[in-house]
Amino acid sequence: MDRDVDALHVEGLSIAYGGAAPSVQDVSLRVGPGEIVGVIGESGSGKSSIALAMMGLLPDSATVTASRLDVAGTDMQGATERDWSGLRGARASMVFQEPMSALNPCMRIGAQIAEVLRIHGVADKRQARARALEILHLVRMPDAERRLGYYPHQLSGGQRQRVVIAIAVAAGPTLLVADEPTTALDVTVQAQILELLRTLRDETGMGVLFISHDLGVIGQLCERVAVMYRGRIVETGRAERVLADPQHPYTRALLESIPRPSVPVRSPLAVIPVDNDFAEAPAVLEEVR
């Protein structure tokens, strides 16, 4: 892994499906080496489309354009499926929201990690099991040696997510894209997974693009944040600044809509009005390097 190369550098990214108007418009993102950058917004804002575009996993009906699309230090503009296949897993990896759908229910955990190692030339068949065990230790899997022989259904949700992360980092990627990886987990396990991602970043130097709709999670994990609204980035900056002193009216409305224990019982919840004019407000883009 080259720690001097940006994990991700995208400029002017737009995504359209089936010839319709773009659902993601003019998005620019940069993730430095060893940096964790969050992307936040309500459902349908385009967050997951961006995540899938960074991995070349959008459907054939999607049209992707960008003035710059560097993923793990490689220019992927006009890349073929063969190009993306060579990049995925080796230099860029993804962690999905639901680990059970990301794992093969018919393969043991150790075999699934070993398969990634062999495909990307990290280890041969003889070495793969030992290396798979090392990676399970890396993601703090309890009783790792015994769990190499487990099937996914024999693990808890948090343990399955650790396995998915183990598979994602097995080949030493420069970029890890995490698409709401803690949404299905309870608060205690969620905190453990966030701490794991932080530790892996520190130990490996990989950059992380973290997709979420949870402002609390973004505040705990990310150094910088990009706020999305209707397919556009409306505010960027240091996470602590954006969350403490939001400048864009949509970011303010998003923060105000979070229920707070201090609000009296039966007080009306703050909501984001449908007939808002947020799209008319200029974006607040704070370049921090």
Protein backbone atom coordinates (compact mmCIF):
# COMPACT_ATOMS: atom_id res chain seq x y z
CA MET A 1 0.00 0.00 0.00
CA ASP A 2 1.31 3.43 -1.02
CA ARG A 3 0.63 5.73 1.94
CA ASP A 4 1.41 8.82 -0.16
CA VAL A 5 -1.39 8.19 -2.68
CA ASP A 6 -4.93 9.47 -2.14
CA ALA A 7 -7.28 6.60 -1.42
CA LEU A 8 -9.95 8.39 -3.47
CA HIS A 9 -10.09 11.54 -5.59
CA VAL A 10 -13.30 12.21 -7.49
CA GLU A 11 -14.35 15.42 -9.22
CA GLY A 12 -17.58 16.26 -11.02
CA LEU A 13 -19.17 12.82 -10.57
CA SER A 14 -22.69 12.41 -11.96
CA ILE A 15 -24.79 9.24 -12.10
CA ALA A 16 -27.95 8.71 -14.13
CA TYR A 17 -30.12 5.61 -14.41
CA GLY A 18 -31.89 4.51 -17.59
CA GLY A 19 -31.44 7.79 -19.40
CA ALA A 20 -33.30 9.76 -16.71
CA ALA A 21 -32.07 12.97 -15.13
CA PRO A 22 -28.96 12.43 -12.96
CA SER A 23 -29.71 11.19 -9.45
CA VAL A 24 -26.18 12.21 -8.38
CA GLN A 25 -24.86 15.51 -9.72
CA ASP A 26 -21.41 17.11 -9.73
CA VAL A 27 -20.05 15.35 -6.65
CA SER A 28 -16.41 15.88 -5.67
CA LEU A 29 -14.79 13.83 -2.89
CA ARG A 30 -11.28 13.28 -1.67
CA VAL A 31 -10.04 10.72 0.86
CA GLY A 32 -6.41 11.03 1.82
CA PRO A 33 -4.23 8.12 2.95
CA GLY A 34 -5.21 7.07 6.46
CA GLU A 35 -8.20 9.43 6.49
CA ILE A 36 -11.82 8.60 7.35
CA VAL A 37 -14.32 10.72 5.43
CA GLY A 38 -18.04 10.45 6.06
CA VAL A 39 -20.89 10.96 3.61
CA ILE A 40 -24.25 11.61 5.26
CA GLY A 41 -27.77 12.37 4.10
CA GLU A 42 -31.31 11.07 4.21
CA SER A 43 -32.45 7.95 2.33
CA GLY A 44 -32.48 8.52 -1.42
CA SER A 45 -29.89 11.31 -1.36
CA GLY A 46 -27.44 9.29 -3.49
CA LYS A 47 -25.00 8.03 -0.85
CA SER A 48 -25.08 4.35 -1.81
CA SER A 49 -24.93 5.18 -5.53
CA ILE A 50 -21.63 6.94 -4.89
CA ALA A 51 -20.33 3.97 -2.87
CA LEU A 52 -21.20 1.52 -5.65
CA ALA A 53 -19.71 3.81 -8.30
CA MET A 54 -16.39 3.81 -6.44
CA MET A 55 -16.32 0.02 -6.79
CA GLY A 56 -17.64 -0.29 -10.34
CA LEU A 57 -20.73 -2.11 -9.05
CA LEU A 58 -23.52 0.01 -10.52
CA PRO A 59 -25.96 -1.77 -12.88
CA ASP A 60 -25.58 -1.56 -16.65
CA SER A 61 -28.47 0.93 -16.74
CA ALA A 62 -26.32 3.48 -14.89
CA THR A 63 -24.32 6.12 -16.74
CA VAL A 64 -21.33 7.50 -14.82
CA THR A 65 -19.46 10.64 -15.84
CA ALA A 66 -16.68 12.48 -14.01
CA SER A 67 -13.88 14.88 -14.79
CA ARG A 68 -11.69 12.82 -12.44
CA LEU A 69 -12.19 9.32 -11.04
CA ASP A 70 -9.08 8.10 -9.24
CA VAL A 71 -9.71 5.09 -7.02
CA ALA A 72 -6.79 3.83 -4.92
CA GLY A 73 -4.42 5.88 -7.07
CA THR A 74 -5.71 4.43 -10.35
CA ASP A 75 -7.57 6.41 -13.03
CA MET A 76 -10.82 4.48 -13.55
CA GLN A 77 -12.44 6.73 -16.14
CA GLY A 78 -13.57 4.50 -18.98
CA ALA A 79 -12.52 1.39 -17.04
CA THR A 80 -13.78 -1.99 -18.27
CA GLU A 81 -15.24 -4.68 -16.03
CA ARG A 82 -11.90 -6.45 -16.24
CA ASP A 83 -10.18 -3.30 -14.94
CA TRP A 84 -12.64 -3.05 -12.04
CA SER A 85 -12.26 -6.75 -11.22
CA GLY A 86 -8.51 -6.25 -10.91
CA LEU A 87 -9.02 -3.32 -8.56
CA ARG A 88 -11.80 -4.70 -6.34
CA GLY A 89 -10.58 -6.63 -3.34
CA ALA A 90 -6.93 -5.91 -4.09
CA ARG A 91 -6.71 -2.09 -3.92
CA ALA A 92 -10.29 -1.09 -3.08
CA SER A 93 -12.80 -3.04 -1.01
CA MET A 94 -16.33 -2.56 0.27
CA VAL A 95 -18.18 -3.46 3.46
CA PHE A 96 -21.94 -3.73 3.03
CA GLN A 97 -24.73 -2.99 5.48
CA GLU A 98 -26.04 -6.53 5.92
CA PRO A 99 -23.23 -9.07 6.49
CA MET A 100 -25.45 -12.13 6.02
CA SER A 101 -26.13 -11.15 2.41
CA ALA A 102 -22.41 -10.48 1.80
CA LEU A 103 -21.26 -13.92 2.98
CA ASN A 104 -21.71 -17.30 1.31
CA PRO A 105 -23.93 -19.32 3.70
CA CYS A 106 -22.53 -22.60 2.32
CA MET A 107 -18.83 -21.85 2.92
CA ARG A 108 -16.92 -21.85 6.17
CA ILE A 109 -15.52 -18.53 7.33
CA GLY A 110 -11.90 -19.59 6.89
CA ALA A 111 -12.52 -20.74 3.33
CA GLN A 112 -14.13 -17.42 2.39
CA ILE A 113 -11.18 -15.40 3.66
CA ALA A 114 -8.68 -17.82 2.09
CA GLU A 115 -10.45 -17.54 -1.28
CA VAL A 116 -9.82 -13.78 -1.37
CA LEU A 117 -6.16 -14.30 -0.46
CA ARG A 118 -5.65 -16.83 -3.26
CA ILE A 119 -7.53 -14.82 -5.91
CA HIS A 120 -5.39 -11.74 -5.28
CA GLY A 121 -2.12 -13.64 -4.94
CA VAL A 122 -1.60 -12.75 -1.28
CA ALA A 123 -1.15 -16.40 -0.28
CA ASP A 124 -1.12 -19.80 -1.96
CA LYS A 125 -3.38 -22.66 -0.92
CA ARG A 126 -0.91 -23.91 1.67
CA GLN A 127 -0.42 -20.51 3.29
CA ALA A 128 -4.01 -19.29 3.05
CA ARG A 129 -5.39 -20.83 6.24
CA ALA A 130 -2.61 -19.44 8.43
CA ARG A 131 -3.00 -16.01 6.85
CA ALA A 132 -6.81 -16.17 7.26
CA LEU A 133 -6.28 -16.81 10.97
CA GLU A 134 -3.95 -13.78 11.19
CA ILE A 135 -6.62 -11.60 9.60
CA LEU A 136 -9.31 -12.84 12.00
CA HIS A 137 -6.97 -11.88 14.84
CA LEU A 138 -6.49 -8.49 13.13
CA VAL A 139 -10.25 -7.83 13.29
CA ARG A 140 -10.32 -8.93 16.95
CA MET A 141 -12.44 -12.04 16.39
CA PRO A 142 -12.73 -13.90 19.71
CA ASP A 143 -11.60 -17.55 19.65
CA ALA A 144 -10.47 -16.96 16.04
CA GLU A 145 -8.97 -20.38 15.35
CA ARG A 146 -12.16 -22.23 16.21
CA ARG A 147 -14.32 -19.80 14.25
CA LEU A 148 -12.37 -20.42 11.06
CA GLY A 149 -14.48 -23.58 10.76
CA TYR A 150 -17.82 -21.87 11.44
CA TYR A 151 -20.51 -21.13 8.88
CA PRO A 152 -21.98 -17.59 8.85
CA HIS A 153 -25.21 -18.63 10.60
CA GLN A 154 -23.18 -19.83 13.59
CA LEU A 155 -21.91 -16.30 14.30
CA SER A 156 -23.59 -13.28 15.84
CA GLY A 157 -24.34 -10.19 13.77
CA GLY A 158 -21.29 -8.37 15.10
CA GLN A 159 -19.04 -11.37 14.46
CA ARG A 160 -20.36 -11.68 10.90
CA GLN A 161 -19.58 -8.02 10.30
CA ARG A 162 -16.04 -8.62 11.57
CA VAL A 163 -15.72 -11.43 9.02
CA VAL A 164 -16.95 -9.14 6.22
CA ILE A 165 -14.37 -6.54 7.28
CA ALA A 166 -11.70 -9.26 7.43
CA ILE A 167 -12.47 -10.26 3.84
CA ALA A 168 -12.44 -6.60 2.76
CA VAL A 169 -9.01 -5.86 4.26
CA ALA A 170 -7.40 -9.26 3.51
CA ALA A 171 -5.45 -8.06 0.47
CA GLY A 172 -4.36 -4.75 2.03
CA PRO A 173 -6.54 -2.26 0.11
CA THR A 174 -5.73 1.44 -0.18
CA LEU A 175 -9.44 2.34 0.00
CA LEU A 176 -12.21 0.82 2.10
CA VAL A 177 -15.78 1.85 1.25
CA ALA A 178 -18.12 1.16 4.18
CA ASP A 179 -21.81 1.51 3.24
CA GLU A 180 -23.76 1.84 6.53
CA PRO A 181 -21.93 -1.14 8.07
CA THR A 182 -23.35 -0.65 11.58
CA THR A 183 -27.03 0.04 10.83
CA ALA A 184 -28.26 -3.49 11.65
CA LEU A 185 -26.23 -3.75 14.88
CA ASP A 186 -27.15 -2.82 18.43
CA VAL A 187 -25.43 0.17 20.02
CA THR A 188 -22.80 -1.82 21.93
CA VAL A 189 -21.72 -3.87 18.92
CA GLN A 190 -21.88 -0.74 16.74
CA ALA A 191 -19.33 0.95 19.00
CA GLN A 192 -17.06 -2.09 18.74
CA ILE A 193 -17.19 -2.06 14.93
CA LEU A 194 -16.45 1.68 14.80
CA GLU A 195 -13.46 1.19 17.09
CA LEU A 196 -12.33 -1.71 14.88
CA LEU A 197 -12.44 0.46 11.74
CA ARG A 198 -10.43 3.16 13.52
CA THR A 199 -7.84 0.63 14.67
CA LEU A 200 -7.53 -0.95 11.22
CA ARG A 201 -7.05 2.50 9.70
CA ASP A 202 -4.28 3.22 12.20
CA GLU A 203 -2.57 -0.12 11.64
CA THR A 204 -2.83 -0.31 7.84
CA GLY A 205 -2.94 3.32 6.68
CA MET A 206 -5.92 2.72 4.40
CA GLY A 207 -8.38 5.51 3.64
CA VAL A 208 -12.03 4.96 4.53
CA LEU A 209 -15.13 6.37 2.83
CA PHE A 210 -17.87 5.87 5.43
CA ILE A 211 -21.50 6.13 4.26
CA SER A 212 -24.15 6.71 6.92
CA HIS A 213 -27.43 8.39 7.81
CA ASP A 214 -26.46 8.51 11.49
CA LEU A 215 -24.93 11.81 12.55
CA GLY A 216 -23.80 10.35 15.87
CA VAL A 217 -21.77 7.66 14.13
CA ILE A 218 -20.22 10.22 11.77
CA GLY A 219 -19.25 12.37 14.74
CA GLN A 220 -17.57 9.44 16.51
CA LEU A 221 -15.57 8.14 13.55
CA CYS A 222 -14.91 10.65 10.79
CA GLU A 223 -12.39 13.47 10.45
CA ARG A 224 -14.24 15.14 7.58
CA VAL A 225 -17.83 14.91 6.40
CA ALA A 226 -19.78 15.62 3.22
CA VAL A 227 -23.53 16.28 3.57
CA MET A 228 -25.71 15.17 0.66
CA TYR A 229 -29.12 16.48 -0.36
CA ARG A 230 -31.00 15.46 -3.52
CA GLY A 231 -27.92 13.99 -5.17
CA ARG A 232 -25.61 16.92 -4.45
CA ILE A 233 -23.06 17.69 -1.77
CA VAL A 234 -24.31 20.80 0.02
CA GLU A 235 -21.72 21.11 2.79
CA THR A 236 -18.25 19.74 3.53
CA GLY A 237 -15.75 20.35 6.29
CA ARG A 238 -14.21 19.03 9.47
CA ALA A 239 -16.76 16.78 11.17
CA GLU A 240 -16.61 18.61 14.48
CA ARG A 241 -17.18 21.98 12.77
CA VAL A 242 -20.04 20.80 10.55
CA LEU A 243 -21.85 19.09 13.44
CA ALA A 244 -21.29 21.92 15.92
CA ASP A 245 -21.75 24.88 13.58
CA PRO A 246 -23.59 23.84 10.37
CA GLN A 247 -23.61 26.54 7.70
CA HIS A 248 -26.04 25.13 5.12
CA PRO A 249 -29.77 25.27 5.95
CA TYR A 250 -30.23 21.57 5.11
CA THR A 251 -27.43 20.53 7.48
CA ARG A 252 -29.03 22.64 10.22
CA ALA A 253 -32.44 21.08 9.55
CA LEU A 254 -30.91 17.58 9.61
CA LEU A 255 -29.33 18.22 13.02
CA GLU A 256 -32.50 19.81 14.40
CA SER A 257 -34.56 16.76 13.39
CA ILE A 258 -32.65 14.46 15.77
CA PRO A 259 -34.83 13.58 18.81
CA ARG A 260 -33.23 14.76 22.06
CA PRO A 261 -33.87 13.48 25.60
CA SER A 262 -33.97 17.07 26.87
CA VAL A 263 -37.08 17.88 24.80
CA PRO A 264 -40.26 17.74 26.95
CA VAL A 265 -42.55 14.76 26.46
CA ARG A 266 -45.22 15.23 23.75
CA SER A 267 -43.35 18.15 22.22
CA PRO A 268 -43.66 18.05 18.43
CA LEU A 269 -40.63 16.62 16.68
CA ALA A 270 -38.71 18.88 14.32
CA VAL A 271 -39.16 17.71 10.71
CA ILE A 272 -37.71 18.71 7.36
CA PRO A 273 -40.54 20.33 5.38
CA VAL A 274 -41.30 18.91 1.96
CA ASP A 275 -41.73 22.37 0.43
CA ASN A 276 -38.31 23.61 1.55
CA ASP A 277 -35.95 25.76 -0.51
CA PHE A 278 -32.72 24.03 0.54
CA ALA A 279 -31.78 23.27 -3.05
CA GLU A 280 -31.63 27.00 -3.76
CA ALA A 281 -29.05 27.69 -1.04
CA PRO A 282 -25.42 27.77 -2.18
CA ALA A 283 -23.21 24.84 -1.16
CA VAL A 284 -20.74 25.38 1.69
CA LEU A 285 -17.59 23.57 0.60
CA GLU A 286 -14.70 23.82 3.02
CA GLU A 287 -11.47 22.45 1.51
CA VAL A 288 -9.41 20.90 4.27
CA ARG A 289 -6.12 19.12 3.48
